[in-house]
PDB file of N, CA and C in Angstrom:
ATOM      1  N   MET A   1      71.477 -18.529 -31.605  1.00  0.00           N
ATOM      2  CA  MET A   1      70.156 -18.610 -32.165  1.00  0.00           C
ATOM      3  C   MET A   1      70.194 -18.377 -33.671  1.00  0.00           C
ATOM      4  N   SER A   2      71.071 -17.483 -34.125  1.00  0.00           N
ATOM      5  CA  SER A   2      71.107 -17.194 -35.555  1.00  0.00           C
ATOM      6  C   SER A   2      71.575 -18.391 -36.373  1.00  0.00           C
ATOM      7  N   SER A   3      72.469 -19.223 -35.810  1.00  0.00           N
ATOM      8  CA  SER A   3      72.908 -20.401 -36.559  1.00  0.00           C
ATOM      9  C   SER A   3      71.760 -21.396 -36.717  1.00  0.00           C
ATOM     10  N   ALA A   4      70.873 -21.465 -35.735  1.00  0.00           N
ATOM     11  CA  ALA A   4      69.703 -22.347 -35.843  1.00  0.00           C
ATOM     12  C   ALA A   4      68.789 -21.859 -36.956  1.00  0.00           C
ATOM     13  N   LEU A   5      68.575 -20.560 -37.030  1.00  0.00           N
ATOM     14  CA  LEU A   5      67.734 -20.006 -38.093  1.00  0.00           C
ATOM     15  C   LEU A   5      68.374 -20.209 -39.463  1.00  0.00           C
ATOM     16  N   ASP A   6      69.695 -20.020 -39.537  1.00  0.00           N
ATOM     17  CA  ASP A   6      70.403 -20.276 -40.801  1.00  0.00           C
ATOM     18  C   ASP A   6      70.259 -21.735 -41.212  1.00  0.00           C
ATOM     19  N   PHE A   7      70.391 -22.641 -40.260  1.00  0.00           N
ATOM     20  CA  PHE A   7      70.252 -24.067 -40.552  1.00  0.00           C
ATOM     21  C   PHE A   7      68.849 -24.358 -41.089  1.00  0.00           C
ATOM     22  N   LEU A   8      67.834 -23.786 -40.460  1.00  0.00           N
ATOM     23  CA  LEU A   8      66.460 -24.041 -40.879  1.00  0.00           C
ATOM     24  C   LEU A   8      66.142 -23.449 -42.244  1.00  0.00           C
ATOM     25  N   ASP A   9      66.898 -22.422 -42.649  1.00  0.00           N
ATOM     26  CA  ASP A   9      66.716 -21.862 -43.992  1.00  0.00           C
ATOM     27  C   ASP A   9      67.074 -22.876 -45.070  1.00  0.00           C
ATOM     28  N   ASN A  10      68.006 -23.772 -44.764  1.00  0.00           N
ATOM     29  CA  ASN A  10      68.536 -24.688 -45.772  1.00  0.00           C
ATOM     30  C   ASN A  10      68.220 -26.155 -45.518  1.00  0.00           C
ATOM     31  N   ASN A  11      67.585 -26.473 -44.407  1.00  0.00           N
ATOM     32  CA  ASN A  11      67.328 -27.864 -44.038  1.00  0.00           C
ATOM     33  C   ASN A  11      65.975 -27.988 -43.360  1.00  0.00           C
ATOM     34  N   GLU A  12      65.381 -29.164 -43.473  1.00  0.00           N
ATOM     35  CA  GLU A  12      64.174 -29.459 -42.713  1.00  0.00           C
ATOM     36  C   GLU A  12      64.448 -30.725 -41.903  1.00  0.00           C
ATOM     37  N   PRO A  13      64.772 -30.553 -40.632  1.00  0.00           N
ATOM     38  CA  PRO A  13      65.087 -31.720 -39.806  1.00  0.00           C
ATOM     39  C   PRO A  13      63.864 -32.605 -39.607  1.00  0.00           C
ATOM     40  N   ASN A  14      64.111 -33.851 -39.204  1.00  0.00           N
ATOM     41  CA  ASN A  14      63.024 -34.789 -38.916  1.00  0.00           C
ATOM     42  C   ASN A  14      62.389 -34.531 -37.561  1.00  0.00           C
ATOM     43  N   PHE A  15      63.164 -33.945 -36.651  1.00  0.00           N
ATOM     44  CA  PHE A  15      62.689 -33.717 -35.285  1.00  0.00           C
ATOM     45  C   PHE A  15      63.591 -32.674 -34.643  1.00  0.00           C
ATOM     46  N   ILE A  16      63.005 -31.795 -33.833  1.00  0.00           N
ATOM     47  CA  ILE A  16      63.775 -30.770 -33.126  1.00  0.00           C
ATOM     48  C   ILE A  16      63.522 -30.885 -31.633  1.00  0.00           C
ATOM     49  N   ILE A  17      64.607 -30.917 -30.861  1.00  0.00           N
ATOM     50  CA  ILE A  17      64.518 -30.749 -29.410  1.00  0.00           C
ATOM     51  C   ILE A  17      65.039 -29.344 -29.142  1.00  0.00           C
ATOM     52  N   LEU A  18      64.194 -28.505 -28.592  1.00  0.00           N
ATOM     53  CA  LEU A  18      64.469 -27.081 -28.480  1.00  0.00           C
ATOM     54  C   LEU A  18      64.457 -26.638 -27.029  1.00  0.00           C
ATOM     55  N   ASP A  19      65.492 -25.932 -26.634  1.00  0.00           N
ATOM     56  CA  ASP A  19      65.538 -25.322 -25.310  1.00  0.00           C
ATOM     57  C   ASP A  19      64.896 -23.939 -25.418  1.00  0.00           C
ATOM     58  N   MET A  20      64.177 -23.518 -24.401  1.00  0.00           N
ATOM     59  CA  MET A  20      63.567 -22.190 -24.431  1.00  0.00           C
ATOM     60  C   MET A  20      64.595 -21.087 -24.242  1.00  0.00           C
ATOM     61  N   SER A  21      65.689 -21.351 -23.532  1.00  0.00           N
ATOM     62  CA  SER A  21      66.721 -20.341 -23.280  1.00  0.00           C
ATOM     63  C   SER A  21      67.882 -20.559 -24.240  1.00  0.00           C
ATOM     64  N   LEU A  22      68.093 -19.604 -25.127  1.00  0.00           N
ATOM     65  CA  LEU A  22      69.160 -19.702 -26.122  1.00  0.00           C
ATOM     66  C   LEU A  22      70.056 -18.473 -26.038  1.00  0.00           C
ATOM     67  N   PRO A  23      71.353 -18.637 -26.378  1.00  0.00           N
ATOM     68  CA  PRO A  23      72.242 -17.468 -26.414  1.00  0.00           C
ATOM     69  C   PRO A  23      71.736 -16.454 -27.434  1.00  0.00           C
ATOM     70  N   THR A  24      72.020 -15.181 -27.177  1.00  0.00           N
ATOM     71  CA  THR A  24      71.536 -14.142 -28.074  1.00  0.00           C
ATOM     72  C   THR A  24      72.368 -14.030 -29.342  1.00  0.00           C
ATOM     73  N   TYR A  25      73.586 -14.542 -29.328  1.00  0.00           N
ATOM     74  CA  TYR A  25      74.409 -14.571 -30.537  1.00  0.00           C
ATOM     75  C   TYR A  25      75.412 -15.708 -30.429  1.00  0.00           C
ATOM     76  N   GLU A  26      76.140 -15.938 -31.511  1.00  0.00           N
ATOM     77  CA  GLU A  26      76.973 -17.131 -31.620  1.00  0.00           C
ATOM     78  C   GLU A  26      78.193 -17.108 -30.702  1.00  0.00           C
ATOM     79  N   ILE A  27      78.580 -18.261 -30.226  1.00  0.00           N
ATOM     80  CA  ILE A  27      79.798 -18.432 -29.444  1.00  0.00           C
ATOM     81  C   ILE A  27      80.958 -18.608 -30.417  1.00  0.00           C
ATOM     82  N   SER A  28      82.042 -17.888 -30.168  1.00  0.00           N
ATOM     83  CA  SER A  28      83.239 -18.001 -31.015  1.00  0.00           C
ATOM     84  C   SER A  28      84.462 -17.779 -30.142  1.00  0.00           C
ATOM     85  N   ASP A  29      85.630 -17.700 -30.774  1.00  0.00           N
ATOM     86  CA  ASP A  29      86.866 -17.444 -30.032  1.00  0.00           C
ATOM     87  C   ASP A  29      86.840 -16.087 -29.345  1.00  0.00           C
ATOM     88  N   THR A  30      86.108 -15.151 -29.920  1.00  0.00           N
ATOM     89  CA  THR A  30      86.080 -13.797 -29.364  1.00  0.00           C
ATOM     90  C   THR A  30      84.759 -13.439 -28.690  1.00  0.00           C
ATOM     91  N   GLU A  31      83.747 -14.279 -28.840  1.00  0.00           N
ATOM     92  CA  GLU A  31      82.431 -13.990 -28.266  1.00  0.00           C
ATOM     93  C   GLU A  31      81.993 -15.138 -27.367  1.00  0.00           C
ATOM     94  N   SER A  32      81.341 -14.795 -26.262  1.00  0.00           N
ATOM     95  CA  SER A  32      80.895 -15.810 -25.303  1.00  0.00           C
ATOM     96  C   SER A  32      79.512 -16.355 -25.607  1.00  0.00           C
ATOM     97  N   GLY A  33      78.819 -15.747 -26.552  1.00  0.00           N
ATOM     98  CA  GLY A  33      77.458 -16.183 -26.867  1.00  0.00           C
ATOM     99  C   GLY A  33      76.405 -15.292 -26.260  1.00  0.00           C
ATOM    100  N   GLY A  34      76.813 -14.356 -25.429  1.00  0.00           N
ATOM    101  CA  GLY A  34      75.843 -13.442 -24.829  1.00  0.00           C
ATOM    102  C   GLY A  34      75.057 -14.094 -23.718  1.00  0.00           C
ATOM    103  N   ARG A  35      74.157 -13.323 -23.175  1.00  0.00           N
ATOM    104  CA  ARG A  35      73.280 -13.849 -22.134  1.00  0.00           C
ATOM    105  C   ARG A  35      72.239 -14.763 -22.766  1.00  0.00           C
ATOM    106  N   PRO A  36      71.906 -15.855 -22.068  1.00  0.00           N
ATOM    107  CA  PRO A  36      70.795 -16.652 -22.583  1.00  0.00           C
ATOM    108  C   PRO A  36      69.524 -15.800 -22.620  1.00  0.00           C
ATOM    109  N   GLN A  37      68.811 -15.889 -23.701  1.00  0.00           N
ATOM    110  CA  GLN A  37      67.557 -15.166 -23.847  1.00  0.00           C
ATOM    111  C   GLN A  37      66.454 -16.094 -23.372  1.00  0.00           C
ATOM    112  N   GLY A  38      65.727 -15.714 -22.332  1.00  0.00           N
ATOM    113  CA  GLY A  38      64.736 -16.572 -21.697  1.00  0.00           C
ATOM    114  C   GLY A  38      63.743 -17.199 -22.654  1.00  0.00           C
ATOM    115  N   PHE A  39      63.346 -16.476 -23.661  1.00  0.00           N
ATOM    116  CA  PHE A  39      62.381 -17.005 -24.611  1.00  0.00           C
ATOM    117  C   PHE A  39      62.972 -17.097 -26.017  1.00  0.00           C
ATOM    118  N   GLY A  40      64.281 -17.331 -26.102  1.00  0.00           N
ATOM    119  CA  GLY A  40      64.930 -17.474 -27.402  1.00  0.00           C
ATOM    120  C   GLY A  40      64.331 -18.608 -28.218  1.00  0.00           C
ATOM    121  N   GLY A  41      63.941 -19.685 -27.565  1.00  0.00           N
ATOM    122  CA  GLY A  41      63.308 -20.802 -28.253  1.00  0.00           C
ATOM    123  C   GLY A  41      62.004 -20.412 -28.912  1.00  0.00           C
ATOM    124  N   LEU A  42      61.327 -19.428 -28.331  1.00  0.00           N
ATOM    125  CA  LEU A  42      60.076 -18.935 -28.903  1.00  0.00           C
ATOM    126  C   LEU A  42      60.313 -18.341 -30.289  1.00  0.00           C
ATOM    127  N   GLU A  43      61.454 -17.687 -30.465  1.00  0.00           N
ATOM    128  CA  GLU A  43      61.786 -17.133 -31.781  1.00  0.00           C
ATOM    129  C   GLU A  43      61.947 -18.249 -32.813  1.00  0.00           C
ATOM    130  N   ILE A  44      62.531 -19.366 -32.401  1.00  0.00           N
ATOM    131  CA  ILE A  44      62.686 -20.504 -33.314  1.00  0.00           C
ATOM    132  C   ILE A  44      61.305 -21.068 -33.667  1.00  0.00           C
ATOM    133  N   LEU A  45      60.437 -21.220 -32.673  1.00  0.00           N
ATOM    134  CA  LEU A  45      59.084 -21.718 -32.923  1.00  0.00           C
ATOM    135  C   LEU A  45      58.336 -20.800 -33.887  1.00  0.00           C
ATOM    136  N   ARG A  46      58.445 -19.511 -33.689  1.00  0.00           N
ATOM    137  CA  ARG A  46      57.770 -18.554 -34.578  1.00  0.00           C
ATOM    138  C   ARG A  46      58.325 -18.640 -35.998  1.00  0.00           C
ATOM    139  N   TYR A  47      59.627 -18.838 -36.112  1.00  0.00           N
ATOM    140  CA  TYR A  47      60.240 -18.979 -37.425  1.00  0.00           C
ATOM    141  C   TYR A  47      59.725 -20.244 -38.119  1.00  0.00           C
ATOM    142  N   LEU A  48      59.646 -21.343 -37.372  1.00  0.00           N
ATOM    143  CA  LEU A  48      59.118 -22.583 -37.955  1.00  0.00           C
ATOM    144  C   LEU A  48      57.709 -22.369 -38.487  1.00  0.00           C
ATOM    145  N   LYS A  49      56.874 -21.724 -37.693  1.00  0.00           N
ATOM    146  CA  LYS A  49      55.486 -21.490 -38.094  1.00  0.00           C
ATOM    147  C   LYS A  49      55.417 -20.568 -39.311  1.00  0.00           C
ATOM    148  N   MET A  50      56.171 -19.462 -39.270  1.00  0.00           N
ATOM    149  CA  MET A  50      56.169 -18.494 -40.361  1.00  0.00           C
ATOM    150  C   MET A  50      56.660 -19.126 -41.666  1.00  0.00           C
ATOM    151  N   SER A  51      57.630 -20.029 -41.550  1.00  0.00           N
ATOM    152  CA  SER A  51      58.213 -20.667 -42.726  1.00  0.00           C
ATOM    153  C   SER A  51      57.399 -21.852 -43.225  1.00  0.00           C
ATOM    154  N   GLY A  52      56.384 -22.239 -42.461  1.00  0.00           N
ATOM    155  CA  GLY A  52      55.581 -23.390 -42.845  1.00  0.00           C
ATOM    156  C   GLY A  52      56.282 -24.719 -42.623  1.00  0.00           C
ATOM    157  N   LEU A  53      57.316 -24.716 -41.791  1.00  0.00           N
ATOM    158  CA  LEU A  53      58.028 -25.959 -41.468  1.00  0.00           C
ATOM    159  C   LEU A  53      57.293 -26.649 -40.324  1.00  0.00           C
ATOM    160  N   ASN A  54      56.623 -27.719 -40.624  1.00  0.00           N
ATOM    161  CA  ASN A  54      55.863 -28.439 -39.606  1.00  0.00           C
ATOM    162  C   ASN A  54      56.672 -29.576 -39.015  1.00  0.00           C
ATOM    163  N   CYS A  55      57.912 -29.305 -38.712  1.00  0.00           N
ATOM    164  CA  CYS A  55      58.811 -30.293 -38.132  1.00  0.00           C
ATOM    165  C   CYS A  55      58.381 -30.592 -36.695  1.00  0.00           C
ATOM    166  N   PRO A  56      58.173 -31.867 -36.354  1.00  0.00           N
ATOM    167  CA  PRO A  56      57.825 -32.191 -34.968  1.00  0.00           C
ATOM    168  C   PRO A  56      58.882 -31.612 -34.028  1.00  0.00           C
ATOM    169  N   THR A  57      58.410 -30.875 -33.026  1.00  0.00           N
ATOM    170  CA  THR A  57      59.311 -30.163 -32.123  1.00  0.00           C
ATOM    171  C   THR A  57      58.926 -30.432 -30.674  1.00  0.00           C
ATOM    172  N   LEU A  58      59.946 -30.653 -29.874  1.00  0.00           N
ATOM    173  CA  LEU A  58      59.783 -30.854 -28.435  1.00  0.00           C
ATOM    174  C   LEU A  58      60.548 -29.748 -27.727  1.00  0.00           C
ATOM    175  N   VAL A  59      59.883 -29.040 -26.846  1.00  0.00           N
ATOM    176  CA  VAL A  59      60.559 -28.036 -26.030  1.00  0.00           C
ATOM    177  C   VAL A  59      60.945 -28.713 -24.723  1.00  0.00           C
ATOM    178  N   LEU A  60      62.219 -28.627 -24.403  1.00  0.00           N
ATOM    179  CA  LEU A  60      62.773 -29.223 -23.185  1.00  0.00           C
ATOM    180  C   LEU A  60      63.465 -28.105 -22.420  1.00  0.00           C
ATOM    181  N   THR A  61      63.097 -27.916 -21.158  1.00  0.00           N
ATOM    182  CA  THR A  61      63.676 -26.819 -20.386  1.00  0.00           C
ATOM    183  C   THR A  61      64.001 -27.254 -18.967  1.00  0.00           C
ATOM    184  N   GLY A  62      65.003 -26.636 -18.414  1.00  0.00           N
ATOM    185  CA  GLY A  62      65.390 -26.889 -17.036  1.00  0.00           C
ATOM    186  C   GLY A  62      64.751 -25.908 -16.072  1.00  0.00           C
ATOM    187  N   TYR A  63      63.872 -25.051 -16.574  1.00  0.00           N
ATOM    188  CA  TYR A  63      63.215 -24.049 -15.736  1.00  0.00           C
ATOM    189  C   TYR A  63      61.756 -24.422 -15.489  1.00  0.00           C
ATOM    190  N   GLU A  64      61.326 -24.266 -14.261  1.00  0.00           N
ATOM    191  CA  GLU A  64      59.922 -24.519 -13.916  1.00  0.00           C
ATOM    192  C   GLU A  64      59.070 -23.273 -14.079  1.00  0.00           C
ATOM    193  N   ALA A  65      59.723 -22.127 -14.242  1.00  0.00           N
ATOM    194  CA  ALA A  65      59.025 -20.860 -14.413  1.00  0.00           C
ATOM    195  C   ALA A  65      59.937 -19.915 -15.183  1.00  0.00           C
ATOM    196  N   PHE A  66      59.324 -18.905 -15.799  1.00  0.00           N
ATOM    197  CA  PHE A  66      60.056 -17.906 -16.570  1.00  0.00           C
ATOM    198  C   PHE A  66      59.616 -16.513 -16.124  1.00  0.00           C
ATOM    199  N   MET A  67      60.540 -15.568 -16.231  1.00  0.00           N
ATOM    200  CA  MET A  67      60.233 -14.188 -15.876  1.00  0.00           C
ATOM    201  C   MET A  67      59.768 -13.436 -17.111  1.00  0.00           C
ATOM    202  N   ARG A  68      58.640 -12.784 -16.971  1.00  0.00           N
ATOM    203  CA  ARG A  68      58.114 -11.895 -18.005  1.00  0.00           C
ATOM    204  C   ARG A  68      57.938 -10.522 -17.386  1.00  0.00           C
ATOM    205  N   GLU A  69      57.576  -9.570 -18.205  1.00  0.00           N
ATOM    206  CA  GLU A  69      57.358  -8.216 -17.688  1.00  0.00           C
ATOM    207  C   GLU A  69      56.312  -8.200 -16.587  1.00  0.00           C
ATOM    208  N   GLU A  70      55.291  -9.041 -16.726  1.00  0.00           N
ATOM    209  CA  GLU A  70      54.209  -9.057 -15.730  1.00  0.00           C
ATOM    210  C   GLU A  70      54.540  -9.906 -14.507  1.00  0.00           C
ATOM    211  N   GLY A  71      55.707 -10.532 -14.496  1.00  0.00           N
ATOM    212  CA  GLY A  71      56.132 -11.329 -13.344  1.00  0.00           C
ATOM    213  C   GLY A  71      56.454 -12.757 -13.733  1.00  0.00           C
ATOM    214  N   ILE A  72      56.527 -13.610 -12.747  1.00  0.00           N
ATOM    215  CA  ILE A  72      56.883 -15.018 -12.959  1.00  0.00           C
ATOM    216  C   ILE A  72      55.702 -15.779 -13.554  1.00  0.00           C
ATOM    217  N   VAL A  73      56.007 -16.578 -14.585  1.00  0.00           N
ATOM    218  CA  VAL A  73      54.987 -17.387 -15.257  1.00  0.00           C
ATOM    219  C   VAL A  73      55.411 -18.847 -15.145  1.00  0.00           C
ATOM    220  N   GLU A  74      54.528 -19.675 -14.631  1.00  0.00           N
ATOM    221  CA  GLU A  74      54.811 -21.104 -14.455  1.00  0.00           C
ATOM    222  C   GLU A  74      54.905 -21.807 -15.807  1.00  0.00           C
ATOM    223  N   LEU A  75      55.681 -22.878 -15.827  1.00  0.00           N
ATOM    224  CA  LEU A  75      55.877 -23.640 -17.057  1.00  0.00           C
ATOM    225  C   LEU A  75      54.553 -24.191 -17.594  1.00  0.00           C
ATOM    226  N   SER A  76      53.631 -24.554 -16.741  1.00  0.00           N
ATOM    227  CA  SER A  76      52.336 -25.075 -17.207  1.00  0.00           C
ATOM    228  C   SER A  76      51.594 -24.032 -18.049  1.00  0.00           C
ATOM    229  N   GLN A  77      51.672 -22.759 -17.663  1.00  0.00           N
ATOM    230  CA  GLN A  77      51.033 -21.704 -18.453  1.00  0.00           C
ATOM    231  C   GLN A  77      51.763 -21.501 -19.771  1.00  0.00           C
ATOM    232  N   ILE A  78      53.099 -21.514 -19.727  1.00  0.00           N
ATOM    233  CA  ILE A  78      53.896 -21.386 -20.952  1.00  0.00           C
ATOM    234  C   ILE A  78      53.540 -22.526 -21.902  1.00  0.00           C
ATOM    235  N   SER A  79      53.459 -23.740 -21.364  1.00  0.00           N
ATOM    236  CA  SER A  79      53.131 -24.912 -22.166  1.00  0.00           C
ATOM    237  C   SER A  79      51.775 -24.748 -22.853  1.00  0.00           C
ATOM    238  N   GLU A  80      50.799 -24.290 -22.120  1.00  0.00           N
ATOM    239  CA  GLU A  80      49.459 -24.082 -22.684  1.00  0.00           C
ATOM    240  C   GLU A  80      49.489 -23.041 -23.800  1.00  0.00           C
ATOM    241  N   GLU A  81      50.198 -21.944 -23.574  1.00  0.00           N
ATOM    242  CA  GLU A  81      50.297 -20.897 -24.590  1.00  0.00           C
ATOM    243  C   GLU A  81      51.000 -21.407 -25.847  1.00  0.00           C
ATOM    244  N   LEU A  82      52.096 -22.141 -25.655  1.00  0.00           N
ATOM    245  CA  LEU A  82      52.833 -22.670 -26.802  1.00  0.00           C
ATOM    246  C   LEU A  82      51.999 -23.678 -27.582  1.00  0.00           C
ATOM    247  N   ASN A  83      51.288 -24.543 -26.880  1.00  0.00           N
ATOM    248  CA  ASN A  83      50.438 -25.524 -27.558  1.00  0.00           C
ATOM    249  C   ASN A  83      49.329 -24.845 -28.345  1.00  0.00           C
ATOM    250  N   ASN A  84      48.773 -23.762 -27.803  1.00  0.00           N
ATOM    251  CA  ASN A  84      47.736 -23.022 -28.530  1.00  0.00           C
ATOM    252  C   ASN A  84      48.273 -22.386 -29.794  1.00  0.00           C
ATOM    253  N   GLU A  85      49.493 -21.865 -29.732  1.00  0.00           N
ATOM    254  CA  GLU A  85      50.058 -21.163 -30.883  1.00  0.00           C
ATOM    255  C   GLU A  85      50.753 -22.088 -31.880  1.00  0.00           C
ATOM    256  N   PHE A  86      51.362 -23.180 -31.392  1.00  0.00           N
ATOM    257  CA  PHE A  86      52.194 -24.018 -32.256  1.00  0.00           C
ATOM    258  C   PHE A  86      51.770 -25.486 -32.240  1.00  0.00           C
ATOM    259  N   GLY A  87      50.562 -25.761 -31.862  1.00  0.00           N
ATOM    260  CA  GLY A  87      50.085 -27.127 -31.702  1.00  0.00           C
ATOM    261  C   GLY A  87      50.201 -28.009 -32.924  1.00  0.00           C
ATOM    262  N   VAL A  88      50.289 -27.414 -34.112  1.00  0.00           N
ATOM    263  CA  VAL A  88      50.397 -28.205 -35.334  1.00  0.00           C
ATOM    264  C   VAL A  88      51.653 -29.061 -35.310  1.00  0.00           C
ATOM    265  N   PHE A  89      52.761 -28.483 -34.841  1.00  0.00           N
ATOM    266  CA  PHE A  89      54.030 -29.224 -34.854  1.00  0.00           C
ATOM    267  C   PHE A  89      54.650 -29.411 -33.476  1.00  0.00           C
ATOM    268  N   LEU A  90      54.183 -28.674 -32.475  1.00  0.00           N
ATOM    269  CA  LEU A  90      54.729 -28.803 -31.132  1.00  0.00           C
ATOM    270  C   LEU A  90      54.174 -30.061 -30.470  1.00  0.00           C
ATOM    271  N   LYS A  91      55.065 -30.967 -30.114  1.00  0.00           N
ATOM    272  CA  LYS A  91      54.642 -32.246 -29.549  1.00  0.00           C
ATOM    273  C   LYS A  91      54.480 -32.201 -28.034  1.00  0.00           C
ATOM    274  N   ASP A  92      55.306 -31.413 -27.354  1.00  0.00           N
ATOM    275  CA  ASP A  92      55.175 -31.295 -25.900  1.00  0.00           C
ATOM    276  C   ASP A  92      56.165 -30.258 -25.388  1.00  0.00           C
ATOM    277  N   VAL A  93      55.941 -29.841 -24.151  1.00  0.00           N
ATOM    278  CA  VAL A  93      56.852 -28.968 -23.424  1.00  0.00           C
ATOM    279  C   VAL A  93      57.181 -29.697 -22.139  1.00  0.00           C
ATOM    280  N   LEU A  94      58.443 -30.086 -21.969  1.00  0.00           N
ATOM    281  CA  LEU A  94      58.831 -30.906 -20.828  1.00  0.00           C
ATOM    282  C   LEU A  94      59.837 -30.196 -19.937  1.00  0.00           C
ATOM    283  N   TYR A  95      59.675 -30.404 -18.649  1.00  0.00           N
ATOM    284  CA  TYR A  95      60.632 -29.915 -17.666  1.00  0.00           C
ATOM    285  C   TYR A  95      61.687 -30.995 -17.460  1.00  0.00           C
ATOM    286  N   TYR A  96      62.941 -30.615 -17.662  1.00  0.00           N
ATOM    287  CA  TYR A  96      64.056 -31.529 -17.487  1.00  0.00           C
ATOM    288  C   TYR A  96      64.615 -31.378 -16.077  1.00  0.00           C
ATOM    289  N   ASN A  97      64.737 -32.501 -15.388  1.00  0.00           N
ATOM    290  CA  ASN A  97      65.381 -32.535 -14.083  1.00  0.00           C
ATOM    291  C   ASN A  97      66.135 -33.858 -14.010  1.00  0.00           C
ATOM    292  N   SER A  98      67.454 -33.780 -13.873  1.00  0.00           N
ATOM    293  CA  SER A  98      68.273 -34.991 -13.899  1.00  0.00           C
ATOM    294  C   SER A  98      67.979 -35.932 -12.735  1.00  0.00           C
ATOM    295  N   ALA A  99      67.310 -35.449 -11.706  1.00  0.00           N
ATOM    296  CA  ALA A  99      66.997 -36.286 -10.550  1.00  0.00           C
ATOM    297  C   ALA A  99      65.820 -37.222 -10.813  1.00  0.00           C
ATOM    298  N   TYR A 100      65.068 -36.952 -11.868  1.00  0.00           N
ATOM    299  CA  TYR A 100      63.882 -37.761 -12.182  1.00  0.00           C
ATOM    300  C   TYR A 100      64.003 -38.348 -13.582  1.00  0.00           C
ATOM    301  N   SER A 101      63.273 -39.411 -13.839  1.00  0.00           N
ATOM    302  CA  SER A 101      63.345 -40.034 -15.161  1.00  0.00           C
ATOM    303  C   SER A 101      62.054 -39.883 -15.965  1.00  0.00           C
ATOM    304  N   GLU A 102      61.040 -39.245 -15.413  1.00  0.00           N
ATOM    305  CA  GLU A 102      59.768 -39.115 -16.117  1.00  0.00           C
ATOM    306  C   GLU A 102      59.937 -38.428 -17.467  1.00  0.00           C
ATOM    307  N   TRP A 103      60.793 -37.410 -17.545  1.00  0.00           N
ATOM    308  CA  TRP A 103      61.011 -36.689 -18.799  1.00  0.00           C
ATOM    309  C   TRP A 103      61.606 -37.609 -19.859  1.00  0.00           C
ATOM    310  N   LYS A 104      62.465 -38.551 -19.443  1.00  0.00           N
ATOM    311  CA  LYS A 104      63.058 -39.499 -20.393  1.00  0.00           C
ATOM    312  C   LYS A 104      61.981 -40.400 -20.990  1.00  0.00           C
ATOM    313  N   ASN A 105      61.079 -40.868 -20.139  1.00  0.00           N
ATOM    314  CA  ASN A 105      59.988 -41.726 -20.608  1.00  0.00           C
ATOM    315  C   ASN A 105      59.087 -40.981 -21.580  1.00  0.00           C
ATOM    316  N   LYS A 106      58.812 -39.713 -21.292  1.00  0.00           N
ATOM    317  CA  LYS A 106      57.963 -38.913 -22.180  1.00  0.00           C
ATOM    318  C   LYS A 106      58.646 -38.683 -23.526  1.00  0.00           C
ATOM    319  N   ILE A 107      59.952 -38.436 -23.504  1.00  0.00           N
ATOM    320  CA  ILE A 107      60.682 -38.251 -24.770  1.00  0.00           C
ATOM    321  C   ILE A 107      60.626 -39.524 -25.603  1.00  0.00           C
ATOM    322  N   SER A 108      60.834 -40.666 -24.967  1.00  0.00           N
ATOM    323  CA  SER A 108      60.761 -41.945 -25.688  1.00  0.00           C
ATOM    324  C   SER A 108      59.405 -42.130 -26.336  1.00  0.00           C
ATOM    325  N   LEU A 109      58.355 -41.829 -25.608  1.00  0.00           N
ATOM    326  CA  LEU A 109      56.993 -41.972 -26.137  1.00  0.00           C
ATOM    327  C   LEU A 109      56.758 -41.016 -27.315  1.00  0.00           C
ATOM    328  N   ILE A 110      57.210 -39.789 -27.196  1.00  0.00           N
ATOM    329  CA  ILE A 110      57.053 -38.810 -28.274  1.00  0.00           C
ATOM    330  C   ILE A 110      57.809 -39.276 -29.510  1.00  0.00           C
ATOM    331  N   LEU A 111      59.043 -39.741 -29.340  1.00  0.00           N
ATOM    332  CA  LEU A 111      59.827 -40.232 -30.472  1.00  0.00           C
ATOM    333  C   LEU A 111      59.161 -41.421 -31.147  1.00  0.00           C
ATOM    334  N   LYS A 112      58.567 -42.310 -30.366  1.00  0.00           N
ATOM    335  CA  LYS A 112      57.836 -43.446 -30.951  1.00  0.00           C
ATOM    336  C   LYS A 112      56.629 -42.945 -31.724  1.00  0.00           C
ATOM    337  N   ASN A 113      55.915 -41.956 -31.185  1.00  0.00           N
ATOM    338  CA  ASN A 113      54.712 -41.447 -31.830  1.00  0.00           C
ATOM    339  C   ASN A 113      54.998 -40.745 -33.166  1.00  0.00           C
ATOM    340  N   VAL A 114      56.181 -40.165 -33.302  1.00  0.00           N
ATOM    341  CA  VAL A 114      56.533 -39.524 -34.574  1.00  0.00           C
ATOM    342  C   VAL A 114      57.320 -40.454 -35.487  1.00  0.00           C
ATOM    343  N   GLY A 115      57.539 -41.701 -35.047  1.00  0.00           N
ATOM    344  CA  GLY A 115      58.176 -42.698 -35.891  1.00  0.00           C
ATOM    345  C   GLY A 115      59.678 -42.632 -35.956  1.00  0.00           C
ATOM    346  N   ILE A 116      60.305 -42.061 -34.934  1.00  0.00           N
ATOM    347  CA  ILE A 116      61.766 -41.945 -34.927  1.00  0.00           C
ATOM    348  C   ILE A 116      62.423 -43.036 -34.098  1.00  0.00           C
ATOM    349  N   TYR A 117      61.775 -43.485 -33.079  1.00  0.00           N
ATOM    350  CA  TYR A 117      62.379 -44.429 -32.128  1.00  0.00           C
ATOM    351  C   TYR A 117      61.677 -45.751 -32.164  1.00  0.00           C
TER     352      TYR A 117
END
């Protein structure tokens, strides 16, 4: 996650595809990257907002629900919360499942809408 923040300090990408679960620290010859942090992607979104980087961003996740202190939260609720907080640059929150192609079609449409594809 820290390398993503370092990159954003020096660059403004045209588009970001962001996973919600990110390693807590960098992978190297001596480090495994730590446990994935369930809402690590949220830290990246907050950094984008705080920095004023309005880079079109798509959250793509393989999880249909996330664990919070209050219990399991469905992806639809997470999506609504993220859109409320980051709607200026957040284009969508998609569930990735290799068995289906709907997510691919949605990504294509989003890329066309932002002028990339």
